[in-house]
PDB file of N, CA and C in Angstrom:
ATOM      1  N   MET A   1      99.007 107.632  89.836  1.00  0.00           N
ATOM      2  CA  MET A   1      99.281 106.463  89.056  1.00  0.00           C
ATOM      3  C   MET A   1      98.582 106.506  87.700  1.00  0.00           C
ATOM      4  N   CYS A   2      97.388 107.018  87.627  1.00  0.00           N
ATOM      5  CA  CYS A   2      96.663 107.100  86.357  1.00  0.00           C
ATOM      6  C   CYS A   2      97.454 107.882  85.324  1.00  0.00           C
ATOM      7  N   GLN A   3      98.095 108.948  85.772  1.00  0.00           N
ATOM      8  CA  GLN A   3      98.881 109.782  84.856  1.00  0.00           C
ATOM      9  C   GLN A   3     100.053 108.991  84.281  1.00  0.00           C
ATOM     10  N   GLN A   4     100.719 108.195  85.123  1.00  0.00           N
ATOM     11  CA  GLN A   4     101.839 107.383  84.661  1.00  0.00           C
ATOM     12  C   GLN A   4     101.370 106.310  83.687  1.00  0.00           C
ATOM     13  N   GLN A   5     100.236 105.700  83.964  1.00  0.00           N
ATOM     14  CA  GLN A   5      99.689 104.675  83.076  1.00  0.00           C
ATOM     15  C   GLN A   5      99.354 105.289  81.713  1.00  0.00           C
ATOM     16  N   ALA A   6      98.750 106.464  81.724  1.00  0.00           N
ATOM     17  CA  ALA A   6      98.400 107.134  80.466  1.00  0.00           C
ATOM     18  C   ALA A   6      99.657 107.434  79.661  1.00  0.00           C
ATOM     19  N   ALA A   7     100.666 107.977  80.311  1.00  0.00           N
ATOM     20  CA  ALA A   7     101.927 108.279  79.627  1.00  0.00           C
ATOM     21  C   ALA A   7     102.574 106.995  79.116  1.00  0.00           C
ATOM     22  N   GLY A   8     102.501 105.943  79.889  1.00  0.00           N
ATOM     23  CA  GLY A   8     103.065 104.663  79.475  1.00  0.00           C
ATOM     24  C   GLY A   8     102.335 104.080  78.277  1.00  0.00           C
ATOM     25  N   LEU A   9     101.019 104.201  78.239  1.00  0.00           N
ATOM     26  CA  LEU A   9     100.258 103.731  77.084  1.00  0.00           C
ATOM     27  C   LEU A   9     100.614 104.536  75.840  1.00  0.00           C
ATOM     28  N   GLU A  10     100.836 105.824  76.015  1.00  0.00           N
ATOM     29  CA  GLU A  10     101.252 106.652  74.876  1.00  0.00           C
ATOM     30  C   GLU A  10     102.619 106.203  74.367  1.00  0.00           C
ATOM     31  N   THR A  11     103.517 105.861  75.259  1.00  0.00           N
ATOM     32  CA  THR A  11     104.833 105.358  74.854  1.00  0.00           C
ATOM     33  C   THR A  11     104.695 104.066  74.063  1.00  0.00           C
ATOM     34  N   ILE A  12     103.866 103.148  74.547  1.00  0.00           N
ATOM     35  CA  ILE A  12     103.623 101.894  73.835  1.00  0.00           C
ATOM     36  C   ILE A  12     103.040 102.179  72.459  1.00  0.00           C
ATOM     37  N   ARG A  13     102.068 103.089  72.402  1.00  0.00           N
ATOM     38  CA  ARG A  13     101.435 103.431  71.128  1.00  0.00           C
ATOM     39  C   ARG A  13     102.473 103.969  70.138  1.00  0.00           C
ATOM     40  N   GLN A  14     103.349 104.848  70.617  1.00  0.00           N
ATOM     41  CA  GLN A  14     104.391 105.412  69.753  1.00  0.00           C
ATOM     42  C   GLN A  14     105.348 104.329  69.247  1.00  0.00           C
ATOM     43  N   GLU A  15     105.650 103.352  70.095  1.00  0.00           N
ATOM     44  CA  GLU A  15     106.518 102.253  69.671  1.00  0.00           C
ATOM     45  C   GLU A  15     105.851 101.437  68.560  1.00  0.00           C
ATOM     46  N   TYR A  16     104.564 101.192  68.686  1.00  0.00           N
ATOM     47  CA  TYR A  16     103.849 100.466  67.635  1.00  0.00           C
ATOM     48  C   TYR A  16     103.869 101.261  66.329  1.00  0.00           C
ATOM     49  N   ILE A  17     103.637 102.546  66.401  1.00  0.00           N
ATOM     50  CA  ILE A  17     103.660 103.390  65.206  1.00  0.00           C
ATOM     51  C   ILE A  17     105.040 103.344  64.557  1.00  0.00           C
ATOM     52  N   ALA A  18     106.086 103.414  65.366  1.00  0.00           N
ATOM     53  CA  ALA A  18     107.446 103.383  64.844  1.00  0.00           C
ATOM     54  C   ALA A  18     107.751 102.077  64.109  1.00  0.00           C
ATOM     55  N   HIS A  19     107.040 101.013  64.469  1.00  0.00           N
ATOM     56  CA  HIS A  19     107.233  99.713  63.823  1.00  0.00           C
ATOM     57  C   HIS A  19     106.172  99.437  62.755  1.00  0.00           C
ATOM     58  N   GLY A  20     105.468 100.492  62.335  1.00  0.00           N
ATOM     59  CA  GLY A  20     104.510 100.361  61.245  1.00  0.00           C
ATOM     60  C   GLY A  20     103.166  99.780  61.628  1.00  0.00           C
ATOM     61  N   ARG A  21     102.893  99.638  62.898  1.00  0.00           N
ATOM     62  CA  ARG A  21     101.620  99.095  63.364  1.00  0.00           C
ATOM     63  C   ARG A  21     100.667 100.251  63.688  1.00  0.00           C
ATOM     64  N   THR A  22     100.213 100.894  62.638  1.00  0.00           N
ATOM     65  CA  THR A  22      99.448 102.127  62.807  1.00  0.00           C
ATOM     66  C   THR A  22      97.953 101.896  62.993  1.00  0.00           C
ATOM     67  N   GLU A  23      97.463 100.694  62.751  1.00  0.00           N
ATOM     68  CA  GLU A  23      96.022 100.473  62.845  1.00  0.00           C
ATOM     69  C   GLU A  23      95.557 100.071  64.245  1.00  0.00           C
ATOM     70  N   ILE A  24      96.430 100.106  65.230  1.00  0.00           N
ATOM     71  CA  ILE A  24      96.042  99.820  66.611  1.00  0.00           C
ATOM     72  C   ILE A  24      95.507 101.109  67.235  1.00  0.00           C
ATOM     73  N   SER A  25      94.343 101.015  67.841  1.00  0.00           N
ATOM     74  CA  SER A  25      93.723 102.187  68.475  1.00  0.00           C
ATOM     75  C   SER A  25      93.771 102.056  69.994  1.00  0.00           C
ATOM     76  N   PHE A  26      94.009 103.167  70.624  1.00  0.00           N
ATOM     77  CA  PHE A  26      94.030 103.237  72.078  1.00  0.00           C
ATOM     78  C   PHE A  26      92.958 104.217  72.525  1.00  0.00           C
ATOM     79  N   MET A  27      92.425 103.992  73.706  1.00  0.00           N
ATOM     80  CA  MET A  27      91.526 104.955  74.332  1.00  0.00           C
ATOM     81  C   MET A  27      91.534 104.714  75.835  1.00  0.00           C
ATOM     82  N   ILE A  28      91.192 105.757  76.557  1.00  0.00           N
ATOM     83  CA  ILE A  28      91.056 105.678  78.012  1.00  0.00           C
ATOM     84  C   ILE A  28      89.643 106.102  78.361  1.00  0.00           C
ATOM     85  N   VAL A  29      89.047 105.394  79.311  1.00  0.00           N
ATOM     86  CA  VAL A  29      87.778 105.827  79.890  1.00  0.00           C
ATOM     87  C   VAL A  29      88.094 106.225  81.322  1.00  0.00           C
ATOM     88  N   ASN A  30      88.011 107.523  81.580  1.00  0.00           N
ATOM     89  CA  ASN A  30      88.303 108.049  82.905  1.00  0.00           C
ATOM     90  C   ASN A  30      87.190 107.688  83.875  1.00  0.00           C
ATOM     91  N   SER A  31      87.587 107.355  85.076  1.00  0.00           N
ATOM     92  CA  SER A  31      86.638 106.985  86.127  1.00  0.00           C
ATOM     93  C   SER A  31      85.653 108.109  86.417  1.00  0.00           C
ATOM     94  N   LYS A  32      84.404 107.738  86.603  1.00  0.00           N
ATOM     95  CA  LYS A  32      83.390 108.750  86.916  1.00  0.00           C
ATOM     96  C   LYS A  32      83.638 109.389  88.280  1.00  0.00           C
ATOM     97  N   GLU A  33      84.441 108.736  89.122  1.00  0.00           N
ATOM     98  CA  GLU A  33      84.759 109.294  90.435  1.00  0.00           C
ATOM     99  C   GLU A  33      85.845 110.370  90.383  1.00  0.00           C
ATOM    100  N   ALA A  34      86.501 110.518  89.231  1.00  0.00           N
ATOM    101  CA  ALA A  34      87.607 111.485  89.136  1.00  0.00           C
ATOM    102  C   ALA A  34      87.529 112.308  87.855  1.00  0.00           C
ATOM    103  N   PRO A  35      86.420 113.006  87.625  1.00  0.00           N
ATOM    104  CA  PRO A  35      86.295 113.767  86.374  1.00  0.00           C
ATOM    105  C   PRO A  35      87.328 114.885  86.241  1.00  0.00           C
ATOM    106  N   GLU A  36      87.894 115.333  87.337  1.00  0.00           N
ATOM    107  CA  GLU A  36      88.881 116.409  87.281  1.00  0.00           C
ATOM    108  C   GLU A  36      90.185 115.956  86.626  1.00  0.00           C
ATOM    109  N   GLN A  37      90.389 114.658  86.469  1.00  0.00           N
ATOM    110  CA  GLN A  37      91.629 114.146  85.889  1.00  0.00           C
ATOM    111  C   GLN A  37      91.614 114.089  84.358  1.00  0.00           C
ATOM    112  N   ILE A  38      90.473 114.281  83.744  1.00  0.00           N
ATOM    113  CA  ILE A  38      90.398 114.079  82.300  1.00  0.00           C
ATOM    114  C   ILE A  38      91.342 114.994  81.522  1.00  0.00           C
ATOM    115  N   GLY A  39      91.486 116.224  81.943  1.00  0.00           N
ATOM    116  CA  GLY A  39      92.400 117.145  81.267  1.00  0.00           C
ATOM    117  C   GLY A  39      93.847 116.711  81.394  1.00  0.00           C
ATOM    118  N   GLN A  40      94.228 116.254  82.568  1.00  0.00           N
ATOM    119  CA  GLN A  40      95.595 115.792  82.781  1.00  0.00           C
ATOM    120  C   GLN A  40      95.879 114.528  81.969  1.00  0.00           C
ATOM    121  N   LEU A  41      94.916 113.618  81.929  1.00  0.00           N
ATOM    122  CA  LEU A  41      95.088 112.396  81.144  1.00  0.00           C
ATOM    123  C   LEU A  41      95.204 112.731  79.657  1.00  0.00           C
ATOM    124  N   SER A  42      94.344 113.609  79.186  1.00  0.00           N
ATOM    125  CA  SER A  42      94.356 114.003  77.772  1.00  0.00           C
ATOM    126  C   SER A  42      95.670 114.655  77.385  1.00  0.00           C
ATOM    127  N   SER A  43      96.264 115.402  78.296  1.00  0.00           N
ATOM    128  CA  SER A  43      97.517 116.089  77.976  1.00  0.00           C
ATOM    129  C   SER A  43      98.696 115.128  77.880  1.00  0.00           C
ATOM    130  N   ARG A  44      98.553 113.917  78.372  1.00  0.00           N
ATOM    131  CA  ARG A  44      99.640 112.940  78.332  1.00  0.00           C
ATOM    132  C   ARG A  44      99.537 111.949  77.177  1.00  0.00           C
ATOM    133  N   THR A  45      98.459 112.066  76.398  1.00  0.00           N
ATOM    134  CA  THR A  45      98.245 111.107  75.320  1.00  0.00           C
ATOM    135  C   THR A  45      97.901 111.814  74.012  1.00  0.00           C
ATOM    136  N   ASN A  46      98.056 111.085  72.931  1.00  0.00           N
ATOM    137  CA  ASN A  46      97.612 111.551  71.620  1.00  0.00           C
ATOM    138  C   ASN A  46      96.524 110.619  71.104  1.00  0.00           C
ATOM    139  N   PHE A  47      95.714 110.125  72.014  1.00  0.00           N
ATOM    140  CA  PHE A  47      94.569 109.302  71.673  1.00  0.00           C
ATOM    141  C   PHE A  47      93.412 109.710  72.574  1.00  0.00           C
ATOM    142  N   PRO A  48      92.195 109.306  72.247  1.00  0.00           N
ATOM    143  CA  PRO A  48      91.017 109.806  72.978  1.00  0.00           C
ATOM    144  C   PRO A  48      90.973 109.394  74.450  1.00  0.00           C
ATOM    145  N   VAL A  49      90.515 110.328  75.257  1.00  0.00           N
ATOM    146  CA  VAL A  49      90.216 110.072  76.666  1.00  0.00           C
ATOM    147  C   VAL A  49      88.755 110.463  76.863  1.00  0.00           C
ATOM    148  N   TYR A  50      87.951 109.497  77.250  1.00  0.00           N
ATOM    149  CA  TYR A  50      86.526 109.724  77.443  1.00  0.00           C
ATOM    150  C   TYR A  50      86.206 109.764  78.927  1.00  0.00           C
ATOM    151  N   GLN A  51      85.152 110.489  79.251  1.00  0.00           N
ATOM    152  CA  GLN A  51      84.740 110.604  80.641  1.00  0.00           C
ATOM    153  C   GLN A  51      83.529 109.725  80.897  1.00  0.00           C
ATOM    154  N   ASP A  52      83.668 108.785  81.824  1.00  0.00           N
ATOM    155  CA  ASP A  52      82.522 107.978  82.254  1.00  0.00           C
ATOM    156  C   ASP A  52      81.636 108.847  83.136  1.00  0.00           C
ATOM    157  N   THR A  53      80.352 108.557  83.139  1.00  0.00           N
ATOM    158  CA  THR A  53      79.388 109.294  83.963  1.00  0.00           C
ATOM    159  C   THR A  53      78.424 108.301  84.597  1.00  0.00           C
ATOM    160  N   ASN A  54      77.633 108.785  85.517  1.00  0.00           N
ATOM    161  CA  ASN A  54      76.604 107.924  86.105  1.00  0.00           C
ATOM    162  C   ASN A  54      75.606 107.459  85.056  1.00  0.00           C
ATOM    163  N   ALA A  55      75.327 108.308  84.070  1.00  0.00           N
ATOM    164  CA  ALA A  55      74.377 107.952  83.019  1.00  0.00           C
ATOM    165  C   ALA A  55      74.943 106.866  82.103  1.00  0.00           C
ATOM    166  N   ILE A  56      76.233 106.943  81.797  1.00  0.00           N
ATOM    167  CA  ILE A  56      76.860 105.959  80.910  1.00  0.00           C
ATOM    168  C   ILE A  56      77.259 104.710  81.694  1.00  0.00           C
ATOM    169  N   ASN A  57      78.002 104.898  82.760  1.00  0.00           N
ATOM    170  CA  ASN A  57      78.431 103.823  83.660  1.00  0.00           C
ATOM    171  C   ASN A  57      79.085 102.666  82.900  1.00  0.00           C
ATOM    172  N   ILE A  58      80.036 103.003  82.032  1.00  0.00           N
ATOM    173  CA  ILE A  58      80.647 102.019  81.146  1.00  0.00           C
ATOM    174  C   ILE A  58      81.379 100.919  81.888  1.00  0.00           C
ATOM    175  N   TRP A  59      82.086 101.263  82.956  1.00  0.00           N
ATOM    176  CA  TRP A  59      82.838 100.225  83.664  1.00  0.00           C
ATOM    177  C   TRP A  59      81.908  99.175  84.257  1.00  0.00           C
ATOM    178  N   ASN A  60      80.752  99.575  84.721  1.00  0.00           N
ATOM    179  CA  ASN A  60      79.775  98.610  85.229  1.00  0.00           C
ATOM    180  C   ASN A  60      79.273  97.717  84.097  1.00  0.00           C
ATOM    181  N   LYS A  61      79.002  98.311  82.940  1.00  0.00           N
ATOM    182  CA  LYS A  61      78.523  97.535  81.786  1.00  0.00           C
ATOM    183  C   LYS A  61      79.568  96.549  81.283  1.00  0.00           C
ATOM    184  N   LEU A  62      80.837  96.899  81.422  1.00  0.00           N
ATOM    185  CA  LEU A  62      81.919  96.026  80.966  1.00  0.00           C
ATOM    186  C   LEU A  62      82.405  95.072  82.058  1.00  0.00           C
ATOM    187  N   ASN A  63      81.783  95.149  83.227  1.00  0.00           N
ATOM    188  CA  ASN A  63      82.202  94.341  84.383  1.00  0.00           C
ATOM    189  C   ASN A  63      83.664  94.595  84.736  1.00  0.00           C
ATOM    190  N   GLY A  64      84.059  95.840  84.599  1.00  0.00           N
ATOM    191  CA  GLY A  64      85.433  96.220  84.908  1.00  0.00           C
ATOM    192  C   GLY A  64      85.464  97.351  85.895  1.00  0.00           C
ATOM    193  N   GLY A  65      86.653  97.857  86.110  1.00  0.00           N
ATOM    194  CA  GLY A  65      86.808  98.951  87.050  1.00  0.00           C
ATOM    195  C   GLY A  65      88.031  99.785  86.743  1.00  0.00           C
ATOM    196  N   LYS A  66      88.242 100.770  87.583  1.00  0.00           N
ATOM    197  CA  LYS A  66      89.358 101.693  87.440  1.00  0.00           C
ATOM    198  C   LYS A  66      90.666 100.926  87.296  1.00  0.00           C
ATOM    199  N   ASP A  67      91.444 101.327  86.305  1.00  0.00           N
ATOM    200  CA  ASP A  67      92.771 100.786  86.026  1.00  0.00           C
ATOM    201  C   ASP A  67      92.767  99.380  85.422  1.00  0.00           C
ATOM    202  N   ASP A  68      91.594  98.843  85.094  1.00  0.00           N
ATOM    203  CA  ASP A  68      91.545  97.598  84.335  1.00  0.00           C
ATOM    204  C   ASP A  68      91.834  97.920  82.870  1.00  0.00           C
ATOM    205  N   VAL A  69      92.341  96.950  82.135  1.00  0.00           N
ATOM    206  CA  VAL A  69      92.627  97.121  80.711  1.00  0.00           C
ATOM    207  C   VAL A  69      91.839  96.067  79.942  1.00  0.00           C
ATOM    208  N   LEU A  70      91.114  96.522  78.937  1.00  0.00           N
ATOM    209  CA  LEU A  70      90.366  95.630  78.057  1.00  0.00           C
ATOM    210  C   LEU A  70      90.955  95.763  76.663  1.00  0.00           C
ATOM    211  N   ILE A  71      91.234  94.637  76.034  1.00  0.00           N
ATOM    212  CA  ILE A  71      91.840  94.640  74.713  1.00  0.00           C
ATOM    213  C   ILE A  71      90.923  93.894  73.762  1.00  0.00           C
ATOM    214  N   TYR A  72      90.581  94.589  72.685  1.00  0.00           N
ATOM    215  CA  TYR A  72      89.684  94.046  71.670  1.00  0.00           C
ATOM    216  C   TYR A  72      90.474  93.796  70.391  1.00  0.00           C
ATOM    217  N   ASP A  73      90.082  92.763  69.655  1.00  0.00           N
ATOM    218  CA  ASP A  73      90.726  92.530  68.373  1.00  0.00           C
ATOM    219  C   ASP A  73      90.112  93.441  67.320  1.00  0.00           C
ATOM    220  N   ARG A  74      90.584  93.338  66.098  1.00  0.00           N
ATOM    221  CA  ARG A  74      90.135  94.247  65.043  1.00  0.00           C
ATOM    222  C   ARG A  74      88.679  94.029  64.659  1.00  0.00           C
ATOM    223  N   CYS A  75      88.071  92.939  65.114  1.00  0.00           N
ATOM    224  CA  CYS A  75      86.654  92.697  64.833  1.00  0.00           C
ATOM    225  C   CYS A  75      85.757  93.146  65.986  1.00  0.00           C
ATOM    226  N   GLY A  76      86.357  93.706  67.022  1.00  0.00           N
ATOM    227  CA  GLY A  76      85.583  94.181  68.160  1.00  0.00           C
ATOM    228  C   GLY A  76      85.318  93.124  69.211  1.00  0.00           C
ATOM    229  N   LYS A  77      85.997  92.006  69.139  1.00  0.00           N
ATOM    230  CA  LYS A  77      85.838  90.920  70.112  1.00  0.00           C
ATOM    231  C   LYS A  77      86.799  91.144  71.278  1.00  0.00           C
ATOM    232  N   LEU A  78      86.270  91.073  72.495  1.00  0.00           N
ATOM    233  CA  LEU A  78      87.123  91.194  73.674  1.00  0.00           C
ATOM    234  C   LEU A  78      88.020  89.968  73.744  1.00  0.00           C
ATOM    235  N   VAL A  79      89.329  90.185  73.691  1.00  0.00           N
ATOM    236  CA  VAL A  79      90.256  89.057  73.726  1.00  0.00           C
ATOM    237  C   VAL A  79      91.060  88.993  75.022  1.00  0.00           C
ATOM    238  N   TYR A  80      91.211  90.115  75.712  1.00  0.00           N
ATOM    239  CA  TYR A  80      91.909  90.115  76.995  1.00  0.00           C
ATOM    240  C   TYR A  80      91.261  91.105  77.946  1.00  0.00           C
ATOM    241  N   PHE A  81      91.065  90.666  79.164  1.00  0.00           N
ATOM    242  CA  PHE A  81      90.636  91.526  80.260  1.00  0.00           C
ATOM    243  C   PHE A  81      91.736  91.418  81.302  1.00  0.00           C
ATOM    244  N   ILE A  82      92.412  92.533  81.556  1.00  0.00           N
ATOM    245  CA  ILE A  82      93.528  92.533  82.501  1.00  0.00           C
ATOM    246  C   ILE A  82      93.138  93.405  83.697  1.00  0.00           C
ATOM    247  N   PRO A  83      92.800  92.776  84.808  1.00  0.00           N
ATOM    248  CA  PRO A  83      92.378  93.556  85.978  1.00  0.00           C
ATOM    249  C   PRO A  83      93.576  94.187  86.685  1.00  0.00           C
ATOM    250  N   PHE A  84      93.291  95.284  87.369  1.00  0.00           N
ATOM    251  CA  PHE A  84      94.278  95.915  88.225  1.00  0.00           C
ATOM    252  C   PHE A  84      94.560  94.964  89.384  1.00  0.00           C
ATOM    253  N   PRO A  85      95.765  94.773  89.833  1.00  0.00           N
ATOM    254  CA  PRO A  85      97.013  95.460  89.517  1.00  0.00           C
ATOM    255  C   PRO A  85      97.809  94.814  88.378  1.00  0.00           C
ATOM    256  N   SER A  86      97.331  93.705  87.816  1.00  0.00           N
ATOM    257  CA  SER A  86      98.064  93.067  86.714  1.00  0.00           C
ATOM    258  C   SER A  86      98.198  93.990  85.515  1.00  0.00           C
ATOM    259  N   SER A  87      97.310  94.971  85.406  1.00  0.00           N
ATOM    260  CA  SER A  87      97.333  95.902  84.280  1.00  0.00           C
ATOM    261  C   SER A  87      98.439  96.948  84.380  1.00  0.00           C
ATOM    262  N   LEU A  88      99.104  97.027  85.504  1.00  0.00           N
ATOM    263  CA  LEU A  88     100.198  97.995  85.629  1.00  0.00           C
ATOM    264  C   LEU A  88     101.235  97.705  84.557  1.00  0.00           C
ATOM    265  N   LEU A  89     101.645  98.726  83.850  1.00  0.00           N
ATOM    266  CA  LEU A  89     102.515  98.558  82.696  1.00  0.00           C
ATOM    267  C   LEU A  89     103.874  97.976  83.046  1.00  0.00           C
ATOM    268  N   ARG A  90     104.309  98.129  84.265  1.00  0.00           N
ATOM    269  CA  ARG A  90     105.621  97.578  84.646  1.00  0.00           C
ATOM    270  C   ARG A  90     105.648  96.053  84.586  1.00  0.00           C
ATOM    271  N   TYR A  91     104.463  95.423  84.578  1.00  0.00           N
ATOM    272  CA  TYR A  91     104.396  93.962  84.473  1.00  0.00           C
ATOM    273  C   TYR A  91     104.424  93.483  83.024  1.00  0.00           C
ATOM    274  N   HIS A  92     104.306  94.380  82.072  1.00  0.00           N
ATOM    275  CA  HIS A  92     104.397  94.099  80.637  1.00  0.00           C
ATOM    276  C   HIS A  92     103.278  93.196  80.112  1.00  0.00           C
ATOM    277  N   LEU A  93     102.299  92.865  80.928  1.00  0.00           N
ATOM    278  CA  LEU A  93     101.198  92.017  80.478  1.00  0.00           C
ATOM    279  C   LEU A  93     100.327  92.739  79.455  1.00  0.00           C
ATOM    280  N   THR A  94     100.097  94.023  79.665  1.00  0.00           N
ATOM    281  CA  THR A  94      99.282  94.802  78.731  1.00  0.00           C
ATOM    282  C   THR A  94      99.943  94.861  77.365  1.00  0.00           C
ATOM    283  N   ASP A  95     101.231  95.151  77.329  1.00  0.00           N
ATOM    284  CA  ASP A  95     101.956  95.209  76.061  1.00  0.00           C
ATOM    285  C   ASP A  95     101.922  93.841  75.369  1.00  0.00           C
ATOM    286  N   TRP A  96     102.148  92.775  76.120  1.00  0.00           N
ATOM    287  CA  TRP A  96     102.100  91.429  75.561  1.00  0.00           C
ATOM    288  C   TRP A  96     100.725  91.135  74.972  1.00  0.00           C
ATOM    289  N   ALA A  97      99.671  91.488  75.692  1.00  0.00           N
ATOM    290  CA  ALA A  97      98.306  91.204  75.236  1.00  0.00           C
ATOM    291  C   ALA A  97      97.980  91.991  73.965  1.00  0.00           C
ATOM    292  N   ILE A  98      98.418  93.227  73.882  1.00  0.00           N
ATOM    293  CA  ILE A  98      98.189  94.025  72.668  1.00  0.00           C
ATOM    294  C   ILE A  98      98.892  93.370  71.491  1.00  0.00           C
ATOM    295  N   ARG A  99     100.159  93.013  71.681  1.00  0.00           N
ATOM    296  CA  ARG A  99     100.909  92.370  70.591  1.00  0.00           C
ATOM    297  C   ARG A  99     100.254  91.054  70.174  1.00  0.00           C
ATOM    298  N   THR A 100      99.821  90.266  71.138  1.00  0.00           N
ATOM    299  CA  THR A 100      99.195  88.986  70.836  1.00  0.00           C
ATOM    300  C   THR A 100      97.883  89.191  70.086  1.00  0.00           C
ATOM    301  N   ALA A 101      97.077  90.141  70.509  1.00  0.00           N
ATOM    302  CA  ALA A 101      95.815  90.428  69.814  1.00  0.00           C
ATOM    303  C   ALA A 101      96.093  90.910  68.397  1.00  0.00           C
ATOM    304  N   TYR A 102      97.133  91.685  68.221  1.00  0.00           N
ATOM    305  CA  TYR A 102      97.488  92.192  66.895  1.00  0.00           C
ATOM    306  C   TYR A 102      97.971  91.067  65.983  1.00  0.00           C
ATOM    307  N   ASP A 103      98.766  90.170  66.514  1.00  0.00           N
ATOM    308  CA  ASP A 103      99.398  89.130  65.711  1.00  0.00           C
ATOM    309  C   ASP A 103      98.554  87.871  65.531  1.00  0.00           C
ATOM    310  N   THR A 104      97.425  87.779  66.214  1.00  0.00           N
ATOM    311  CA  THR A 104      96.583  86.589  66.155  1.00  0.00           C
ATOM    312  C   THR A 104      95.286  86.910  65.432  1.00  0.00           C
ATOM    313  N   ASP A 105      94.871  86.017  64.554  1.00  0.00           N
ATOM    314  CA  ASP A 105      93.598  86.168  63.862  1.00  0.00           C
ATOM    315  C   ASP A 105      92.491  85.509  64.684  1.00  0.00           C
ATOM    316  N   ALA A 106      92.272  86.011  65.879  1.00  0.00           N
ATOM    317  CA  ALA A 106      91.326  85.386  66.795  1.00  0.00           C
ATOM    318  C   ALA A 106      89.904  85.326  66.239  1.00  0.00           C
ATOM    319  N   CYS A 107      89.522  86.318  65.475  1.00  0.00           N
ATOM    320  CA  CYS A 107      88.141  86.350  64.975  1.00  0.00           C
ATOM    321  C   CYS A 107      88.048  85.963  63.509  1.00  0.00           C
ATOM    322  N   GLY A 108      89.142  85.535  62.941  1.00  0.00           N
ATOM    323  CA  GLY A 108      89.120  85.112  61.553  1.00  0.00           C
ATOM    324  C   GLY A 108      89.205  86.246  60.551  1.00  0.00           C
ATOM    325  N   CYS A 109      89.539  87.439  61.017  1.00  0.00           N
ATOM    326  CA  CYS A 109      89.693  88.563  60.100  1.00  0.00           C
ATOM    327  C   CYS A 109      90.900  88.338  59.206  1.00  0.00           C
ATOM    328  N   GLN A 110      90.836  88.901  58.038  1.00  0.00           N
ATOM    329  CA  GLN A 110      91.981  88.828  57.135  1.00  0.00           C
ATOM    330  C   GLN A 110      93.022  89.837  57.590  1.00  0.00           C
ATOM    331  N   ARG A 111      94.249  89.404  57.696  1.00  0.00           N
ATOM    332  CA  ARG A 111      95.340  90.293  58.099  1.00  0.00           C
ATOM    333  C   ARG A 111      96.149  90.650  56.879  1.00  0.00           C
ATOM    334  N   LYS A 112      96.481  91.903  56.754  1.00  0.00           N
ATOM    335  CA  LYS A 112      97.328  92.347  55.641  1.00  0.00           C
ATOM    336  C   LYS A 112      98.764  92.398  56.136  1.00  0.00           C
ATOM    337  N   TYR A 113      99.609  91.594  55.541  1.00  0.00           N
ATOM    338  CA  TYR A 113     101.018  91.587  55.894  1.00  0.00           C
ATOM    339  C   TYR A 113     101.785  92.417  54.886  1.00  0.00           C
ATOM    340  N   THR A 114     102.738  93.192  55.381  1.00  0.00           N
ATOM    341  CA  THR A 114     103.556  93.993  54.473  1.00  0.00           C
ATOM    342  C   THR A 114     105.005  93.632  54.604  1.00  0.00           C
TER     343      THR A 114
END
C-alpha cells in the first residue's frame, strides 16, 4: 500500500504542476520499521523520501504514525492532520486538504495570484 500511496502522491503533485501550482512541496518520511522500502518509495516519486530512525523518531515527535498525512501551509503551520485510513488517496481527503491549504491564507501570508 505504501508504494501505491507514493505513486498517487506523485500523480497529485504532477497535476498541481500542470496547473501552475509549482510552489507546493511534497515529502515522505518512511517508517523506521521498514527501512528496506525507501528505495522503492524513492523510485515512485520525484520528491524527497526521508528515512525515519530511532534517533530521529519523527512520527513520535509529530504525534503521528505510518500512513498519516500532515499538511503544512506556506508559513510552516500545521493545517491538516489526516490519520490513516482517512489518508488513503481514494478518499480524496488528502487532495482536498492540499488544495484548501494552498488556496487559504491561514497564516496571513501574502499570496501571489497570476
